Protein backbone atom coordinates (compact mmCIF):
# COMPACT_ATOMS: atom_id res chain seq x y z
CA MET A 1 0.00 0.00 0.00
CA ARG A 2 2.79 2.37 0.89
CA ARG A 3 4.54 1.59 -2.37
CA LEU A 4 1.40 2.53 -4.29
CA LEU A 5 1.07 5.72 -2.32
CA GLY A 6 4.72 6.50 -2.92
CA ALA A 7 4.34 5.96 -6.64
CA SER A 8 1.25 8.12 -6.69
CA ALA A 9 3.02 10.84 -4.80
CA THR A 10 5.93 10.71 -7.21
CA ALA A 11 3.55 10.95 -10.15
CA ALA A 12 1.80 13.88 -8.52
CA VAL A 13 5.07 15.69 -7.93
CA LEU A 14 6.10 15.04 -11.53
CA ALA A 15 2.75 16.38 -12.75
CA VAL A 16 3.21 19.52 -10.68
CA VAL A 17 6.71 19.99 -12.02
CA LEU A 18 5.51 19.57 -15.61
CA SER A 19 2.55 21.82 -14.93
CA GLY A 20 4.93 24.34 -13.44
CA CYS A 21 6.90 24.37 -16.67
CA SER A 22 3.71 25.12 -18.59
CA LEU A 23 2.69 27.80 -16.14
CA TRP A 24 6.15 29.29 -16.38
CA HIS A 25 5.88 29.65 -20.15
CA ASP A 26 2.32 30.93 -19.87
CA GLY A 27 3.53 33.39 -17.28
CA GLU A 28 6.20 34.58 -19.66
CA ASP A 29 3.54 35.14 -22.32
CA VAL A 30 1.34 37.09 -19.90
CA VAL A 31 4.26 39.21 -18.74
CA GLY A 32 5.15 39.87 -22.37
CA GLN A 33 1.58 40.92 -23.17
CA VAL A 34 1.51 43.23 -20.16
CA GLN A 35 4.80 44.83 -21.18
CA GLU A 36 3.56 45.30 -24.74
CA GLY A 37 0.35 46.79 -23.36
CA ILE A 38 2.27 49.25 -21.20
CA VAL A 39 4.34 50.44 -24.17
CA ALA A 40 1.27 50.68 -26.42
CA HIS A 41 -0.68 52.56 -23.74
CA GLN A 42 2.14 55.07 -23.38
CA VAL A 43 2.30 55.64 -27.14
CA LEU A 44 -1.46 56.15 -27.44
CA THR A 45 -1.59 58.39 -24.37
CA GLU A 46 1.01 60.66 -25.95
CA LEU A 47 -1.04 60.62 -29.17
CA THR A 48 -4.33 61.56 -27.48
CA ASP A 49 -2.61 64.31 -25.48
CA GLU A 50 -1.25 65.67 -28.76
CA LEU A 51 -4.66 65.49 -30.43
CA ARG A 52 -6.47 67.19 -27.55
CA ALA A 53 -4.19 70.18 -28.01
CA ARG A 54 -5.32 70.63 -31.62
CA ASP A 55 -7.88 73.24 -32.58
CA GLY A 56 -11.27 71.72 -33.31
CA VAL A 57 -10.78 68.57 -31.21
CA GLU A 58 -13.52 68.11 -28.61
CA SER A 59 -12.31 64.78 -27.23
CA ALA A 60 -9.67 62.13 -27.86
CA GLU A 61 -9.65 58.77 -26.11
CA SER A 62 -7.67 55.56 -26.49
CA SER A 63 -7.71 52.08 -25.01
CA VAL A 64 -5.41 49.06 -24.94
CA VAL A 65 -6.50 45.59 -23.82
CA PRO A 66 -3.36 43.42 -23.68
CA ILE A 67 -5.13 40.12 -23.02
CA TYR A 68 -7.22 40.51 -26.19
CA ARG A 69 -4.44 42.26 -28.12
CA THR A 70 -6.66 45.19 -29.13
CA ALA A 71 -5.94 48.91 -29.36
CA SER A 72 -8.26 51.71 -30.41
CA VAL A 73 -8.44 55.48 -30.72
CA THR A 74 -11.64 57.55 -30.83
CA VAL A 75 -11.66 61.27 -31.68
CA ALA A 76 -14.58 63.69 -31.81
CA LEU A 77 -14.06 66.92 -33.71
CA ARG A 78 -16.15 70.06 -33.62
CA ASP A 79 -18.97 69.99 -36.15
CA GLY A 80 -18.10 72.10 -39.17
CA VAL A 81 -14.31 71.74 -39.08
CA PRO A 82 -12.74 71.68 -42.57
CA ALA A 83 -12.49 68.35 -44.31
CA SER A 84 -8.72 68.83 -44.40
CA THR A 85 -8.62 68.82 -40.59
CA ILE A 86 -10.48 65.51 -40.44
CA GLY A 87 -8.04 64.08 -42.95
CA GLU A 88 -5.00 65.34 -41.03
CA VAL A 89 -6.23 63.82 -37.76
CA ALA A 90 -7.07 60.50 -39.39
CA THR A 91 -3.69 60.38 -41.11
CA ARG A 92 -1.85 61.14 -37.85
CA ILE A 93 -3.68 58.37 -35.98
CA ASP A 94 -3.09 55.93 -38.82
CA ASP A 95 0.65 56.68 -38.80
CA VAL A 96 0.92 55.99 -35.06
CA LEU A 97 -1.11 52.79 -35.18
CA ARG A 98 1.13 51.49 -37.96
CA GLY A 99 4.20 52.03 -35.78
CA PRO A 100 6.25 49.10 -34.41
CA ASP A 101 4.93 49.42 -30.85
CA LEU A 102 1.34 48.73 -31.98
CA GLN A 103 2.03 45.87 -34.39
CA PRO A 104 1.16 43.04 -31.92
CA PHE A 105 -2.37 44.46 -31.59
CA ASP A 106 -5.56 44.45 -33.65
CA ARG A 107 -5.98 48.16 -34.28
CA GLU A 108 -8.87 50.42 -35.14
CA PHE A 109 -9.80 54.08 -34.91
CA SER A 110 -12.68 56.44 -35.58
CA VAL A 111 -12.81 60.17 -36.22
CA GLN A 112 -16.18 61.88 -36.16
CA ALA A 113 -17.06 65.47 -37.04
CA GLY A 114 -20.78 66.04 -37.37
CA ASP A 115 -21.95 64.23 -40.50
CA ALA A 116 -18.47 63.14 -41.53
CA GLY A 117 -17.37 59.84 -40.06
CA ILE A 118 -14.18 57.88 -40.64
CA ARG A 119 -13.66 54.45 -39.16
CA GLN A 120 -10.66 52.32 -39.99
CA THR A 121 -10.64 48.70 -38.88
CA SER A 122 -7.94 47.06 -40.98
CA PHE A 123 -4.30 48.04 -41.29
CA GLU A 124 -3.01 45.22 -43.43
CA ARG A 125 -3.04 47.26 -46.62
CA THR A 126 -1.52 50.34 -48.18
CA PRO A 127 -2.26 53.37 -45.98
CA VAL A 128 -5.39 55.30 -46.92
CA ASP A 129 -5.08 58.81 -48.33
CA TYR A 130 -7.53 60.38 -45.88
CA ALA A 131 -6.95 63.87 -47.25
CA ALA A 132 -8.09 62.68 -50.68
CA GLU A 133 -11.08 60.82 -49.23
CA LEU A 134 -12.22 63.85 -47.27
CA ALA A 135 -11.66 66.16 -50.24
CA TYR A 136 -13.98 63.94 -52.27
CA TRP A 137 -16.56 63.95 -49.48
CA GLY A 138 -16.26 67.74 -49.28
CA GLU A 139 -17.01 68.11 -53.00
CA ILE A 140 -20.11 65.92 -52.73
CA GLN A 141 -21.19 67.71 -49.55
CA SER A 142 -20.85 71.09 -51.23
CA VAL A 143 -23.37 69.95 -53.85
CA VAL A 144 -25.78 68.02 -51.62
CA GLY A 145 -25.53 70.18 -48.49
CA THR A 146 -25.83 68.91 -44.94
CA GLY A 147 -27.23 65.54 -44.00
CA LEU A 148 -24.75 63.37 -45.91
CA THR A 149 -22.40 61.10 -43.97
CA MET A 150 -19.23 59.47 -45.26
CA THR A 151 -17.92 56.36 -43.54
CA LEU A 152 -14.68 54.57 -44.35
CA GLY A 153 -14.12 51.10 -43.00
CA ALA A 154 -13.41 47.50 -43.83
CA ASP A 155 -16.07 45.40 -45.51
CA ARG A 156 -16.55 41.72 -44.73
CA ALA A 157 -13.66 40.77 -46.99
CA GLY A 158 -11.35 43.27 -45.30
CA ALA A 159 -11.24 45.68 -48.24
CA LEU A 160 -11.68 49.42 -47.79
CA GLN A 161 -15.29 50.49 -48.17
CA ARG A 162 -16.51 54.04 -48.80
CA ILE A 163 -20.16 54.68 -47.89
CA LEU A 164 -22.17 57.86 -48.42
CA SER A 165 -25.48 57.84 -46.57
CA THR A 166 -28.40 59.95 -45.41
CA GLN A 167 -31.59 59.41 -43.45
CA THR A 168 -33.26 62.55 -44.82
CA ASP A 169 -35.94 62.06 -47.48
CA ALA A 170 -35.33 65.51 -48.96
CA THR A 171 -31.71 64.59 -49.76
CA VAL A 172 -32.98 62.12 -52.37
CA ALA A 173 -34.48 65.02 -54.35
CA THR A 174 -31.19 66.93 -54.10
CA LEU A 175 -29.27 63.92 -55.41
CA ALA A 176 -31.63 63.69 -58.38
CA GLU A 177 -31.41 67.44 -59.06
CA HIS A 178 -27.60 67.50 -59.02
CA TYR A 179 -27.09 64.04 -60.46
CA ASP A 180 -24.68 65.13 -63.21
CA ASP A 181 -22.47 67.09 -60.79
CA ILE A 182 -22.31 64.14 -58.40
CA ALA A 183 -21.57 61.65 -61.17
CA ALA A 184 -18.82 63.93 -62.49
CA THR A 185 -17.08 64.12 -59.10
CA VAL A 186 -14.18 61.68 -59.31
CA PRO A 187 -13.51 59.67 -56.13
CA PRO A 188 -10.05 58.43 -55.09
CA ALA A 189 -9.10 55.40 -57.15
CA GLY A 190 -9.25 51.84 -55.91
CA THR A 191 -12.52 51.91 -53.96
CA ALA A 192 -16.10 51.98 -55.22
CA THR A 193 -18.50 54.49 -53.69
CA MET A 194 -21.52 52.83 -52.09
CA TRP A 195 -24.73 54.62 -51.05
CA ARG A 196 -27.29 54.06 -48.30
CA LEU A 197 -30.49 56.04 -48.93
CA PRO A 198 -33.96 56.29 -47.36
CA GLY A 199 -36.81 54.48 -49.06
CA ILE A 200 -34.69 51.60 -50.37
CA LEU A 201 -35.05 48.08 -49.05
CA GLY A 202 -32.78 45.24 -49.98
CA TYR A 203 -31.09 42.31 -48.39
CA ALA A 204 -30.68 43.44 -44.78
CA ASP A 205 -29.15 46.93 -44.82
CA TRP A 206 -29.07 47.91 -48.49
CA LEU A 207 -25.83 49.23 -49.94
CA GLY A 208 -25.32 49.82 -53.62
CA PRO A 209 -24.17 52.18 -56.34
CA LEU A 210 -26.01 55.47 -56.73
CA PRO A 211 -29.38 54.57 -58.30
CA GLU A 212 -30.26 55.89 -61.73
CA ARG A 213 -31.45 59.48 -61.87
CA SER A 214 -34.95 58.42 -62.96
CA ILE A 215 -35.32 56.23 -59.87
CA LEU A 216 -34.16 59.02 -57.54
CA THR A 217 -36.53 61.48 -59.23
CA PHE A 218 -39.38 59.00 -58.82
CA MET A 219 -38.55 58.43 -55.14
CA ALA A 220 -38.38 62.17 -54.53
CA ALA A 221 -41.83 62.63 -56.10
CA MET A 222 -43.27 59.90 -53.85
CA ALA A 223 -41.59 61.47 -50.81
CA ALA A 224 -43.60 64.62 -51.53
CA VAL A 225 -46.91 62.75 -51.03
CA THR A 226 -46.06 59.98 -48.54
CA ASN A 227 -43.27 58.57 -46.35
CA LEU A 228 -40.19 56.83 -47.68
CA LEU A 229 -40.05 53.59 -45.72
CA ASP A 230 -36.86 51.71 -44.88
CA ASP A 231 -35.04 50.10 -41.98
CA SER A 232 -32.98 53.13 -40.96
CA VAL A 233 -35.85 55.30 -39.66
CA GLN A 234 -38.96 53.77 -38.15
CA GLU A 235 -41.84 55.50 -39.91
CA THR A 236 -45.45 54.38 -39.83
CA PRO A 237 -47.19 53.49 -43.11
CA PRO A 238 -48.79 54.48 -45.39
CA GLY A 239 -45.60 54.89 -47.32
CA PHE A 240 -43.51 53.96 -50.30
CA TYR A 241 -40.35 51.93 -50.75
CA THR A 242 -38.11 50.70 -53.53
CA VAL A 243 -36.44 47.30 -53.63
CA LEU A 244 -33.08 47.41 -55.38
CA SER A 245 -30.33 44.87 -55.69
CA ASP A 246 -26.72 45.85 -55.06
CA SER A 247 -26.23 45.08 -58.75
CA ARG A 248 -28.30 46.43 -61.62
CA ARG A 249 -28.03 43.04 -63.31
CA SER A 250 -29.57 40.94 -60.53
CA PHE A 251 -33.25 41.79 -60.83
CA PRO A 252 -35.36 44.77 -61.91
CA PRO A 253 -36.43 47.38 -59.37
CA ARG A 254 -39.64 46.88 -57.45
CA PHE A 255 -41.69 49.90 -56.37
CA ALA A 256 -44.14 49.23 -53.56
CA LEU A 257 -46.84 51.14 -51.72
CA VAL A 258 -47.93 50.18 -48.20
CA ALA A 259 -51.53 51.30 -47.99
CA ASN A 260 -52.27 51.43 -44.27
CA ALA A 261 -50.71 51.61 -40.82
CA PRO A 262 -50.77 48.58 -38.50
CA GLY A 263 -54.23 48.05 -37.06
CA THR A 264 -55.97 50.51 -39.40
CA GLU A 265 -58.33 50.00 -42.32
CA VAL A 266 -57.26 50.68 -45.88
CA ASP A 267 -58.50 54.02 -47.23
CA ALA A 268 -59.36 52.82 -50.75
CA ASP A 269 -59.69 56.30 -52.29
CA ALA A 270 -56.41 57.60 -50.86
CA THR A 271 -54.64 54.36 -51.75
CA TRP A 272 -55.85 54.56 -55.34
CA GLN A 273 -54.57 58.12 -55.73
CA LEU A 274 -51.17 57.06 -54.40
CA THR A 275 -51.25 54.03 -56.70
CA LEU A 276 -51.81 56.34 -59.67
CA SER A 277 -48.89 58.52 -58.56
CA MET A 278 -46.71 55.43 -58.20
CA ALA A 279 -47.73 54.05 -61.61
CA ARG A 280 -47.03 57.37 -63.35
CA GLY A 281 -43.63 57.66 -61.71
CA ALA A 282 -42.69 54.06 -62.41
CA LEU A 283 -43.53 54.39 -66.11
CA ALA A 284 -41.70 57.73 -66.29
CA THR A 285 -38.46 56.06 -65.22
CA GLY A 286 -38.22 54.49 -68.66
CA LEU A 287 -36.79 51.32 -67.17
CA PRO A 288 -37.11 48.26 -69.41
CA ALA A 289 -38.22 46.11 -66.48
CA PHE A 290 -39.73 46.86 -63.08
CA GLN A 291 -42.53 45.84 -60.76
CA VAL A 292 -45.20 47.86 -59.02
CA ALA A 293 -46.91 46.52 -55.93
CA VAL A 294 -49.64 47.70 -53.59
CA GLN A 295 -49.95 45.91 -50.28
CA GLY A 296 -52.03 46.24 -47.17
CA TYR A 297 -50.32 46.07 -43.80
CA GLY A 298 -51.47 42.84 -42.15
CA ASP A 299 -54.78 42.79 -44.03
CA ASP A 300 -55.37 39.49 -45.82
CA SER A 301 -58.49 40.80 -47.53
CA PHE A 302 -56.50 43.40 -49.46
CA SER A 303 -54.92 41.74 -52.49
CA ASP A 304 -51.54 42.64 -53.87
CA ALA A 305 -51.43 44.23 -57.30
CA ASN A 306 -48.14 43.60 -59.07
CA PHE A 307 -47.26 44.09 -62.67
CA HIS A 308 -44.15 43.95 -64.78
CA VAL A 309 -43.97 45.55 -68.19
CA GLY A 310 -41.97 43.36 -70.51
CA ASP A 311 -42.01 40.21 -72.54
CA CYS A 312 -42.75 37.64 -69.85
CA ALA A 313 -46.30 36.52 -70.61
CA ASP A 314 -45.11 33.03 -71.52
CA VAL A 315 -43.56 32.65 -68.06
CA ASN A 316 -46.57 33.86 -66.11
CA PRO A 317 -49.56 34.93 -68.25
CA PRO A 318 -51.48 38.02 -67.19
CA THR A 319 -54.52 37.46 -65.01
CA ALA A 320 -57.92 39.12 -65.06
CA SER A 321 -56.76 41.37 -62.19
CA ASP A 322 -53.75 42.40 -64.24
CA HIS A 323 -55.93 43.33 -67.20
CA LYS A 324 -58.29 45.27 -64.93
CA LEU A 325 -55.35 47.21 -63.50
CA VAL A 326 -54.21 48.12 -67.01
CA ALA A 327 -57.71 49.26 -67.92
CA ASP A 328 -58.03 51.32 -64.73
CA LEU A 329 -54.71 53.02 -65.39
CA ALA A 330 -55.75 53.79 -68.96
CA ASP A 331 -59.02 55.28 -67.70
CA ALA A 332 -56.97 57.49 -65.38
CA GLY A 333 -54.90 58.73 -68.32
CA ILE A 334 -51.90 56.48 -67.65
CA PRO A 335 -51.59 54.22 -70.69
CA LEU A 336 -49.03 51.43 -70.60
CA PRO A 337 -46.72 50.67 -73.54
CA ALA A 338 -48.29 49.14 -76.61
CA ASP A 339 -47.18 45.62 -75.78
CA ALA A 340 -48.45 45.77 -72.20
CA ALA A 341 -51.44 43.54 -72.82
CA ALA A 342 -49.10 40.65 -73.61
CA GLY A 343 -46.35 41.58 -71.22
CA ILE A 344 -47.90 41.99 -67.78
CA CYS A 345 -47.06 39.28 -65.28
CA LEU A 346 -46.39 38.64 -61.62
CA ALA A 347 -42.91 37.17 -61.96
CA PHE A 348 -39.55 38.87 -61.52
CA ALA A 349 -37.64 38.96 -64.79
CA THR A 350 -33.86 38.85 -65.23
CA PRO A 351 -32.64 41.11 -68.07
């Protein structure tokens, strides 16, 4: 019995010794992380002190978490500072975070000044020319006015992503009005400009190229008579929304009218007038393929009315309801193209 106990004790001591070796190496790693964190914290503290002394800086904060190997810098600038100032601050932060003392860490930063936002989350690429990015944003902003945000950050693949966005319905009309000026403004090379606009639904949070001028004009006209509905601002129907893909080749646009608010009856007369406005606008876009839909909110008794103008009758022949809709539109002075009688259907079409 004593021999067994002695053997067990020896094994236990050996296990502790071996465990101690592991703990020793782990301890070295922890000590190394702490030392790296101390150095990184000192570097970022000096940076934030420097930034706070700059004109136009309201706040500058930084954080280092050694155990997770993360480091971040957040700066808030006074609203209305020149775009060049935002670019200078972003460039300065980027330079520091790319330094040797921060290399062991996952790094990110954000600079915010009113509507202009810059967030950088990936440093494994050529440094960004923030001055050029902000100069481009400034040119667009000078045309559109306030209410337009620019965000720079990494997309899911880690590539730089430039996003221009607004939550203001009236900005859509401004974009349509100054479409040529915006299209002629050349962005920095290497990154596509994506837009996020009110009244557009897509897969999750829609991002895509600037929609065609005719679509923006149509959306602006609908915004004058009803709400633009989307996920960014919670507005109560009735309202209008557009469904666009992030690619103009995926499927044709769909223009939809929500006739009533939750728990309310459909006002048939008001809905019909909005339907006429929607039909006129949709046809005025001149798009070769699109859909128009009218839906009731949670009302099973209110049928959807969808139609697509194009050669798709063989795929899904027009129904009696489709023909009635065409006749009603014609009676209201909104004739469809000559081939509409053979080309109205309920199916999406791929150009």
